[in-house]
Amino acid sequence: MQIAPNLRLVYVGDPMCSWCWGFAPVLEALTARHGLPVDVIVGGLRPGPEAAALDDSMRDYLRGAWTQVREATGQPFDFESLERDDWVYDTEIPAMAVVAMRRLQPELALPFFVRVQRAFYAEAVDVTLPESFPPLVAEIGADPGAFMTALTEGPAKDETWNDFALARQMGVAGFPTLFATDQQRLLQLTYGYRPLAEIEHLLTAASRRFEEVPPDPAKPEPS
């Protein structure tokens, strides 16, 4: 499989998106196999005003969705998360946490994204609480104190909402969405879950297209 040397991936997802959790092993295998850098953008699943209370209807919906993802991908789920009372499915804080890590150590943004996913889906950790993050931060080799400062005292919230807006500008309609870029052009590889073999085929085609078609100098580089 031939990949252009300047190729990068742009991943748009949400740490509390179940299909993103299902996609995590695919993305990890893809980046490990081909040494591809990944820029992480948080898309905003149910942040702030769009958050949903975990009532019986929402609980049933999530149980069905998680079961579907588990059966399709083999990813583990701890359904204990769905037994919480007086809980709101608000994805703003975990998205802010990913952005804070991206500001602190960009190379750890994706590993931290995945660690937050695992904590929520497989370990029933309430990742809507900021105090849940320091142990996860330490596990991936970052400084919990510096991270909490970046989360609570820096511009993480504004940058997170900028990410949400950027995802919409990019035409992202759902998660996970994966793009390839040569730093001048952006090609969407997939919207939604796909297995590794399919993603590799799409990535090869994108790489070939970047190499065969010269960029249009009149178009700005992707932000």
C-alpha atoms as a PDB file:
ATOM      1  CA  MET A   1       0.000   0.000   0.000  1.00  0.00           C
ATOM      2  CA  GLN A   2       1.575   3.251  -1.180  1.00  0.00           C
ATOM      3  CA  ILE A   3       0.886   6.392   0.854  1.00  0.00           C
ATOM      4  CA  ALA A   4       2.015   9.867  -0.152  1.00  0.00           C
ATOM      5  CA  PRO A   5       4.784  10.999   2.238  1.00  0.00           C
ATOM      6  CA  ASN A   6       3.039  14.236   3.285  1.00  0.00           C
ATOM      7  CA  LEU A   7      -0.357  12.680   3.953  1.00  0.00           C
ATOM      8  CA  ARG A   8      -2.178  13.324   7.232  1.00  0.00           C
ATOM      9  CA  LEU A   9      -5.529  12.241   8.605  1.00  0.00           C
ATOM     10  CA  VAL A  10      -8.145  14.562  10.045  1.00  0.00           C
ATOM     11  CA  TYR A  11     -10.499  12.786  12.427  1.00  0.00           C
ATOM     12  CA  VAL A  12     -13.790  14.340  13.490  1.00  0.00           C
ATOM     13  CA  GLY A  13     -15.509  12.534  16.337  1.00  0.00           C
ATOM     14  CA  ASP A  14     -16.859  12.737  19.854  1.00  0.00           C
ATOM     15  CA  PRO A  15     -15.577  10.830  22.897  1.00  0.00           C
ATOM     16  CA  MET A  16     -19.165   9.951  23.829  1.00  0.00           C
ATOM     17  CA  CYS A  17     -20.149   8.755  20.335  1.00  0.00           C
ATOM     18  CA  SER A  18     -20.620   4.981  20.421  1.00  0.00           C
ATOM     19  CA  TRP A  19     -19.726   4.433  16.768  1.00  0.00           C
ATOM     20  CA  CYS A  20     -16.538   6.439  17.363  1.00  0.00           C
ATOM     21  CA  TRP A  21     -15.714   3.956  20.119  1.00  0.00           C
ATOM     22  CA  GLY A  22     -16.407   1.157  17.655  1.00  0.00           C
ATOM     23  CA  PHE A  23     -14.099   2.854  15.153  1.00  0.00           C
ATOM     24  CA  ALA A  24     -11.244   3.341  17.648  1.00  0.00           C
ATOM     25  CA  PRO A  25      -9.391   0.059  16.888  1.00  0.00           C
ATOM     26  CA  VAL A  26      -9.628   0.740  13.153  1.00  0.00           C
ATOM     27  CA  LEU A  27      -8.126   4.206  13.495  1.00  0.00           C
ATOM     28  CA  GLU A  28      -5.422   3.007  15.885  1.00  0.00           C
ATOM     29  CA  ALA A  29      -4.459   0.164  13.530  1.00  0.00           C
ATOM     30  CA  LEU A  30      -4.452   2.488  10.529  1.00  0.00           C
ATOM     31  CA  THR A  31      -2.158   5.028  12.153  1.00  0.00           C
ATOM     32  CA  ALA A  32       0.146   2.380  13.625  1.00  0.00           C
ATOM     33  CA  ARG A  33       0.477   0.453  10.388  1.00  0.00           C
ATOM     34  CA  HIS A  34       1.215   3.459   8.199  1.00  0.00           C
ATOM     35  CA  GLY A  35       2.719   5.948  10.639  1.00  0.00           C
ATOM     36  CA  LEU A  36       0.149   8.578   9.776  1.00  0.00           C
ATOM     37  CA  PRO A  37      -0.243  11.681  11.930  1.00  0.00           C
ATOM     38  CA  VAL A  38      -3.802  12.492  12.965  1.00  0.00           C
ATOM     39  CA  ASP A  39      -5.358  15.872  13.652  1.00  0.00           C
ATOM     40  CA  VAL A  40      -8.304  15.457  16.033  1.00  0.00           C
ATOM     41  CA  ILE A  41     -11.351  17.716  15.807  1.00  0.00           C
ATOM     42  CA  VAL A  42     -14.183  17.305  18.303  1.00  0.00           C
ATOM     43  CA  GLY A  43     -17.479  17.525  16.488  1.00  0.00           C
ATOM     44  CA  GLY A  44     -19.981  17.985  19.311  1.00  0.00           C
ATOM     45  CA  LEU A  45     -22.514  15.187  19.715  1.00  0.00           C
ATOM     46  CA  ARG A  46     -24.782  16.545  22.460  1.00  0.00           C
ATOM     47  CA  PRO A  47     -22.952  19.483  24.033  1.00  0.00           C
ATOM     48  CA  GLY A  48     -24.391  22.046  26.419  1.00  0.00           C
ATOM     49  CA  PRO A  49     -27.823  23.180  25.199  1.00  0.00           C
ATOM     50  CA  GLU A  50     -28.141  20.032  23.077  1.00  0.00           C
ATOM     51  CA  ALA A  51     -27.564  17.659  26.018  1.00  0.00           C
ATOM     52  CA  ALA A  52     -30.202  15.036  26.762  1.00  0.00           C
ATOM     53  CA  ALA A  53     -31.391  13.767  30.133  1.00  0.00           C
ATOM     54  CA  LEU A  54     -30.975  10.037  30.697  1.00  0.00           C
ATOM     55  CA  ASP A  55     -34.668   9.225  30.968  1.00  0.00           C
ATOM     56  CA  ASP A  56     -36.228   5.864  30.116  1.00  0.00           C
ATOM     57  CA  SER A  57     -36.546   6.723  26.433  1.00  0.00           C
ATOM     58  CA  MET A  58     -32.933   7.839  26.142  1.00  0.00           C
ATOM     59  CA  ARG A  59     -31.774   4.840  28.166  1.00  0.00           C
ATOM     60  CA  ASP A  60     -33.528   2.429  25.801  1.00  0.00           C
ATOM     61  CA  TYR A  61     -32.173   4.222  22.756  1.00  0.00           C
ATOM     62  CA  LEU A  62     -28.589   4.095  24.027  1.00  0.00           C
ATOM     63  CA  ARG A  63     -28.853   0.474  25.108  1.00  0.00           C
ATOM     64  CA  GLY A  64     -29.953  -0.449  21.598  1.00  0.00           C
ATOM     65  CA  ALA A  65     -27.248   1.643  19.939  1.00  0.00           C
ATOM     66  CA  TRP A  66     -24.489   0.296  22.175  1.00  0.00           C
ATOM     67  CA  THR A  67     -25.607  -3.265  21.593  1.00  0.00           C
ATOM     68  CA  GLN A  68     -25.496  -2.691  17.841  1.00  0.00           C
ATOM     69  CA  VAL A  69     -21.980  -1.243  18.001  1.00  0.00           C
ATOM     70  CA  ARG A  70     -20.764  -4.050  20.245  1.00  0.00           C
ATOM     71  CA  GLU A  71     -22.123  -6.709  17.890  1.00  0.00           C
ATOM     72  CA  ALA A  72     -20.717  -4.995  14.791  1.00  0.00           C
ATOM     73  CA  THR A  73     -17.249  -4.174  16.122  1.00  0.00           C
ATOM     74  CA  GLY A  74     -16.557  -6.371  19.156  1.00  0.00           C
ATOM     75  CA  GLN A  75     -15.793  -3.355  21.331  1.00  0.00           C
ATOM     76  CA  PRO A  76     -16.590  -3.785  25.052  1.00  0.00           C
ATOM     77  CA  PHE A  77     -19.429  -1.907  26.744  1.00  0.00           C
ATOM     78  CA  ASP A  78     -20.327  -1.656  30.419  1.00  0.00           C
ATOM     79  CA  PHE A  79     -24.053  -0.992  30.501  1.00  0.00           C
ATOM     80  CA  GLU A  80     -23.852   0.102  34.122  1.00  0.00           C
ATOM     81  CA  SER A  81     -23.476   3.643  32.752  1.00  0.00           C
ATOM     82  CA  LEU A  82     -27.110   3.503  31.694  1.00  0.00           C
ATOM     83  CA  GLU A  83     -28.361   2.885  35.237  1.00  0.00           C
ATOM     84  CA  ARG A  84     -27.444   6.356  36.518  1.00  0.00           C
ATOM     85  CA  ASP A  85     -30.167   8.530  38.000  1.00  0.00           C
ATOM     86  CA  ASP A  86     -30.480  12.275  37.433  1.00  0.00           C
ATOM     87  CA  TRP A  87     -27.743  12.189  34.813  1.00  0.00           C
ATOM     88  CA  VAL A  88     -27.435  14.237  31.643  1.00  0.00           C
ATOM     89  CA  TYR A  89     -25.762  12.999  28.456  1.00  0.00           C
ATOM     90  CA  ASP A  90     -23.719  16.155  27.946  1.00  0.00           C
ATOM     91  CA  THR A  91     -20.673  15.751  25.717  1.00  0.00           C
ATOM     92  CA  GLU A  92     -19.211  19.229  26.242  1.00  0.00           C
ATOM     93  CA  ILE A  93     -16.812  18.423  29.119  1.00  0.00           C
ATOM     94  CA  PRO A  94     -15.157  15.352  27.544  1.00  0.00           C
ATOM     95  CA  ALA A  95     -14.809  17.259  24.273  1.00  0.00           C
ATOM     96  CA  MET A  96     -13.166  20.109  26.193  1.00  0.00           C
ATOM     97  CA  ALA A  97     -10.860  17.565  27.816  1.00  0.00           C
ATOM     98  CA  VAL A  98      -9.649  16.355  24.413  1.00  0.00           C
ATOM     99  CA  VAL A  99      -9.062  19.942  23.306  1.00  0.00           C
ATOM    100  CA  ALA A 100      -7.171  20.698  26.532  1.00  0.00           C
ATOM    101  CA  MET A 101      -4.913  17.708  25.884  1.00  0.00           C
ATOM    102  CA  ARG A 102      -4.453  18.808  22.286  1.00  0.00           C
ATOM    103  CA  ARG A 103      -3.297  22.216  23.523  1.00  0.00           C
ATOM    104  CA  LEU A 104      -0.990  20.641  26.084  1.00  0.00           C
ATOM    105  CA  GLN A 105       0.519  17.800  24.043  1.00  0.00           C
ATOM    106  CA  PRO A 106      -0.909  17.528  20.517  1.00  0.00           C
ATOM    107  CA  GLU A 107       0.643  14.103  19.934  1.00  0.00           C
ATOM    108  CA  LEU A 108      -1.433  12.730  22.828  1.00  0.00           C
ATOM    109  CA  ALA A 109      -4.776  14.067  21.611  1.00  0.00           C
ATOM    110  CA  LEU A 110      -5.800  10.834  19.888  1.00  0.00           C
ATOM    111  CA  PRO A 111      -4.531   8.461  22.618  1.00  0.00           C
ATOM    112  CA  PHE A 112      -6.364  10.556  25.199  1.00  0.00           C
ATOM    113  CA  PHE A 113      -9.523  10.638  23.076  1.00  0.00           C
ATOM    114  CA  VAL A 114      -9.463   6.832  22.990  1.00  0.00           C
ATOM    115  CA  ARG A 115      -8.688   6.573  26.712  1.00  0.00           C
ATOM    116  CA  VAL A 116     -11.700   8.751  27.531  1.00  0.00           C
ATOM    117  CA  GLN A 117     -13.830   6.571  25.267  1.00  0.00           C
ATOM    118  CA  ARG A 118     -12.688   3.406  27.001  1.00  0.00           C
ATOM    119  CA  ALA A 119     -13.317   4.931  30.417  1.00  0.00           C
ATOM    120  CA  PHE A 120     -16.876   5.858  29.495  1.00  0.00           C
ATOM    121  CA  TYR A 121     -17.940   2.842  27.471  1.00  0.00           C
ATOM    122  CA  ALA A 122     -15.954  -0.047  28.935  1.00  0.00           C
ATOM    123  CA  GLU A 123     -15.390   1.114  32.533  1.00  0.00           C
ATOM    124  CA  ALA A 124     -18.578   3.077  33.323  1.00  0.00           C
ATOM    125  CA  VAL A 125     -16.599   6.189  34.309  1.00  0.00           C
ATOM    126  CA  ASP A 126     -18.637   9.402  34.322  1.00  0.00           C
ATOM    127  CA  VAL A 127     -16.547  11.466  31.922  1.00  0.00           C
ATOM    128  CA  THR A 128     -18.896  14.436  32.239  1.00  0.00           C
ATOM    129  CA  LEU A 129     -17.105  15.144  35.558  1.00  0.00           C
ATOM    130  CA  PRO A 130     -13.748  16.951  35.274  1.00  0.00           C
ATOM    131  CA  GLU A 131     -12.422  15.082  38.316  1.00  0.00           C
ATOM    132  CA  SER A 132     -12.594  11.851  36.289  1.00  0.00           C
ATOM    133  CA  PHE A 133      -9.742  12.923  34.030  1.00  0.00           C
ATOM    134  CA  PRO A 134      -6.517  13.146  36.107  1.00  0.00           C
ATOM    135  CA  PRO A 135      -6.033   9.353  36.397  1.00  0.00           C
ATOM    136  CA  LEU A 136      -6.622   8.969  32.652  1.00  0.00           C
ATOM    137  CA  VAL A 137      -4.163  11.778  31.920  1.00  0.00           C
ATOM    138  CA  ALA A 138      -1.515  10.138  34.082  1.00  0.00           C
ATOM    139  CA  GLU A 139      -2.017   6.798  32.340  1.00  0.00           C
ATOM    140  CA  ILE A 140      -1.059   8.215  28.957  1.00  0.00           C
ATOM    141  CA  GLY A 141       2.020   9.953  30.354  1.00  0.00           C
ATOM    142  CA  ALA A 142       0.854  13.560  30.645  1.00  0.00           C
ATOM    143  CA  ASP A 143       0.891  15.875  33.667  1.00  0.00           C
ATOM    144  CA  PRO A 144      -2.530  15.854  35.408  1.00  0.00           C
ATOM    145  CA  GLY A 145      -1.913  19.233  37.053  1.00  0.00           C
ATOM    146  CA  ALA A 146      -0.991  20.951  33.795  1.00  0.00           C
ATOM    147  CA  PHE A 147      -3.924  19.258  32.113  1.00  0.00           C
ATOM    148  CA  MET A 148      -6.460  20.451  34.695  1.00  0.00           C
ATOM    149  CA  THR A 149      -5.089  23.976  34.352  1.00  0.00           C
ATOM    150  CA  ALA A 150      -5.524  23.768  30.578  1.00  0.00           C
ATOM    151  CA  LEU A 151      -9.044  22.412  31.038  1.00  0.00           C
ATOM    152  CA  THR A 152     -10.308  24.872  33.621  1.00  0.00           C
ATOM    153  CA  GLU A 153      -8.258  28.048  33.238  1.00  0.00           C
ATOM    154  CA  GLY A 154      -7.388  28.261  29.548  1.00  0.00           C
ATOM    155  CA  PRO A 155      -9.415  28.861  26.386  1.00  0.00           C
ATOM    156  CA  ALA A 156     -10.408  25.198  26.082  1.00  0.00           C
ATOM    157  CA  LYS A 157     -14.141  25.912  26.063  1.00  0.00           C
ATOM    158  CA  ASP A 158     -13.960  28.524  23.312  1.00  0.00           C
ATOM    159  CA  GLU A 159     -11.642  26.342  21.263  1.00  0.00           C
ATOM    160  CA  THR A 160     -13.975  23.388  21.713  1.00  0.00           C
ATOM    161  CA  TRP A 161     -16.954  25.309  20.393  1.00  0.00           C
ATOM    162  CA  ASN A 162     -14.774  26.535  17.535  1.00  0.00           C
ATOM    163  CA  ASP A 163     -14.161  22.872  16.741  1.00  0.00           C
ATOM    164  CA  PHE A 164     -17.900  22.231  16.680  1.00  0.00           C
ATOM    165  CA  ALA A 165     -18.365  25.102  14.230  1.00  0.00           C
ATOM    166  CA  LEU A 166     -15.424  23.946  12.108  1.00  0.00           C
ATOM    167  CA  ALA A 167     -16.903  20.454  11.839  1.00  0.00           C
ATOM    168  CA  ARG A 168     -20.125  21.937  10.480  1.00  0.00           C
ATOM    169  CA  GLN A 169     -18.178  24.090   8.026  1.00  0.00           C
ATOM    170  CA  MET A 170     -16.422  20.955   6.819  1.00  0.00           C
ATOM    171  CA  GLY A 171     -19.802  19.412   6.084  1.00  0.00           C
ATOM    172  CA  VAL A 172     -19.550  16.769   8.794  1.00  0.00           C
ATOM    173  CA  ALA A 173     -23.010  15.334   9.356  1.00  0.00           C
ATOM    174  CA  GLY A 174     -22.158  12.640  11.892  1.00  0.00           C
ATOM    175  CA  PHE A 175     -19.373  10.756  13.586  1.00  0.00           C
ATOM    176  CA  PRO A 176     -16.911   9.244  13.049  1.00  0.00           C
ATOM    177  CA  THR A 177     -15.802  11.137   9.939  1.00  0.00           C
ATOM    178  CA  LEU A 178     -12.292  10.724   8.590  1.00  0.00           C
ATOM    179  CA  PHE A 179     -10.494  12.885   6.045  1.00  0.00           C
ATOM    180  CA  ALA A 180      -7.138  12.697   4.310  1.00  0.00           C
ATOM    181  CA  THR A 181      -5.172  15.849   3.589  1.00  0.00           C
ATOM    182  CA  ASP A 182      -1.963  16.709   1.771  1.00  0.00           C
ATOM    183  CA  GLN A 183      -1.883  20.065   3.601  1.00  0.00           C
ATOM    184  CA  GLN A 184      -3.526  21.733   0.596  1.00  0.00           C
ATOM    185  CA  ARG A 185      -6.575  19.602  -0.087  1.00  0.00           C
ATOM    186  CA  LEU A 186      -9.016  17.706   2.069  1.00  0.00           C
ATOM    187  CA  LEU A 187     -10.736  14.508   0.937  1.00  0.00           C
ATOM    188  CA  GLN A 188     -13.373  12.726   2.983  1.00  0.00           C
ATOM    189  CA  LEU A 189     -12.532   9.051   3.369  1.00  0.00           C
ATOM    190  CA  THR A 190     -15.541   7.904   5.332  1.00  0.00           C
ATOM    191  CA  TYR A 191     -18.604   9.015   7.197  1.00  0.00           C
ATOM    192  CA  GLY A 192     -19.508   6.403   9.775  1.00  0.00           C
ATOM    193  CA  TYR A 193     -17.854   3.150  10.749  1.00  0.00           C
ATOM    194  CA  ARG A 194     -15.963   1.100   8.187  1.00  0.00           C
ATOM    195  CA  PRO A 195     -13.533  -1.785   8.743  1.00  0.00           C
ATOM    196  CA  LEU A 196      -9.806  -1.359   8.330  1.00  0.00           C
ATOM    197  CA  ALA A 197      -9.547  -2.983   4.883  1.00  0.00           C
ATOM    198  CA  GLU A 198     -12.090  -0.565   3.435  1.00  0.00           C
ATOM    199  CA  ILE A 199     -10.418   2.457   5.012  1.00  0.00           C
ATOM    200  CA  GLU A 200      -7.048   1.379   3.640  1.00  0.00           C
ATOM    201  CA  HIS A 201      -8.525   1.028   0.166  1.00  0.00           C
ATOM    202  CA  LEU A 202     -10.043   4.519   0.395  1.00  0.00           C
ATOM    203  CA  LEU A 203      -6.797   5.936   1.752  1.00  0.00           C
ATOM    204  CA  THR A 204      -4.822   4.447  -1.123  1.00  0.00           C
ATOM    205  CA  ALA A 205      -7.232   5.995  -3.609  1.00  0.00           C
ATOM    206  CA  ALA A 206      -6.993   9.381  -1.891  1.00  0.00           C
ATOM    207  CA  SER A 207      -3.202   9.242  -1.833  1.00  0.00           C
ATOM    208  CA  ARG A 208      -3.116   8.383  -5.517  1.00  0.00           C
ATOM    209  CA  ARG A 209      -5.470  11.242  -6.298  1.00  0.00           C
ATOM    210  CA  PHE A 210      -3.317  13.724  -4.386  1.00  0.00           C
ATOM    211  CA  GLU A 211      -0.248  12.595  -6.332  1.00  0.00           C
ATOM    212  CA  GLU A 212      -1.895  12.550  -9.757  1.00  0.00           C
ATOM    213  CA  VAL A 213      -3.935  15.767  -9.571  1.00  0.00           C
ATOM    214  CA  PRO A 214      -2.013  18.956  -8.805  1.00  0.00           C
ATOM    215  CA  PRO A 215      -3.561  21.284  -6.241  1.00  0.00           C
ATOM    216  CA  ASP A 216      -5.433  24.383  -7.336  1.00  0.00           C
ATOM    217  CA  PRO A 217      -3.298  27.365  -6.219  1.00  0.00           C
ATOM    218  CA  ALA A 218      -6.418  29.543  -6.114  1.00  0.00           C
ATOM    219  CA  LYS A 219      -7.911  27.472  -3.281  1.00  0.00           C
ATOM    220  CA  PRO A 220      -6.803  28.115   0.315  1.00  0.00           C
ATOM    221  CA  GLU A 221      -5.214  25.386   2.386  1.00  0.00           C
ATOM    222  CA  PRO A 222      -7.546  23.600   4.825  1.00  0.00           C
ATOM    223  CA  SER A 223      -7.541  24.998   8.344  1.00  0.00           C
END
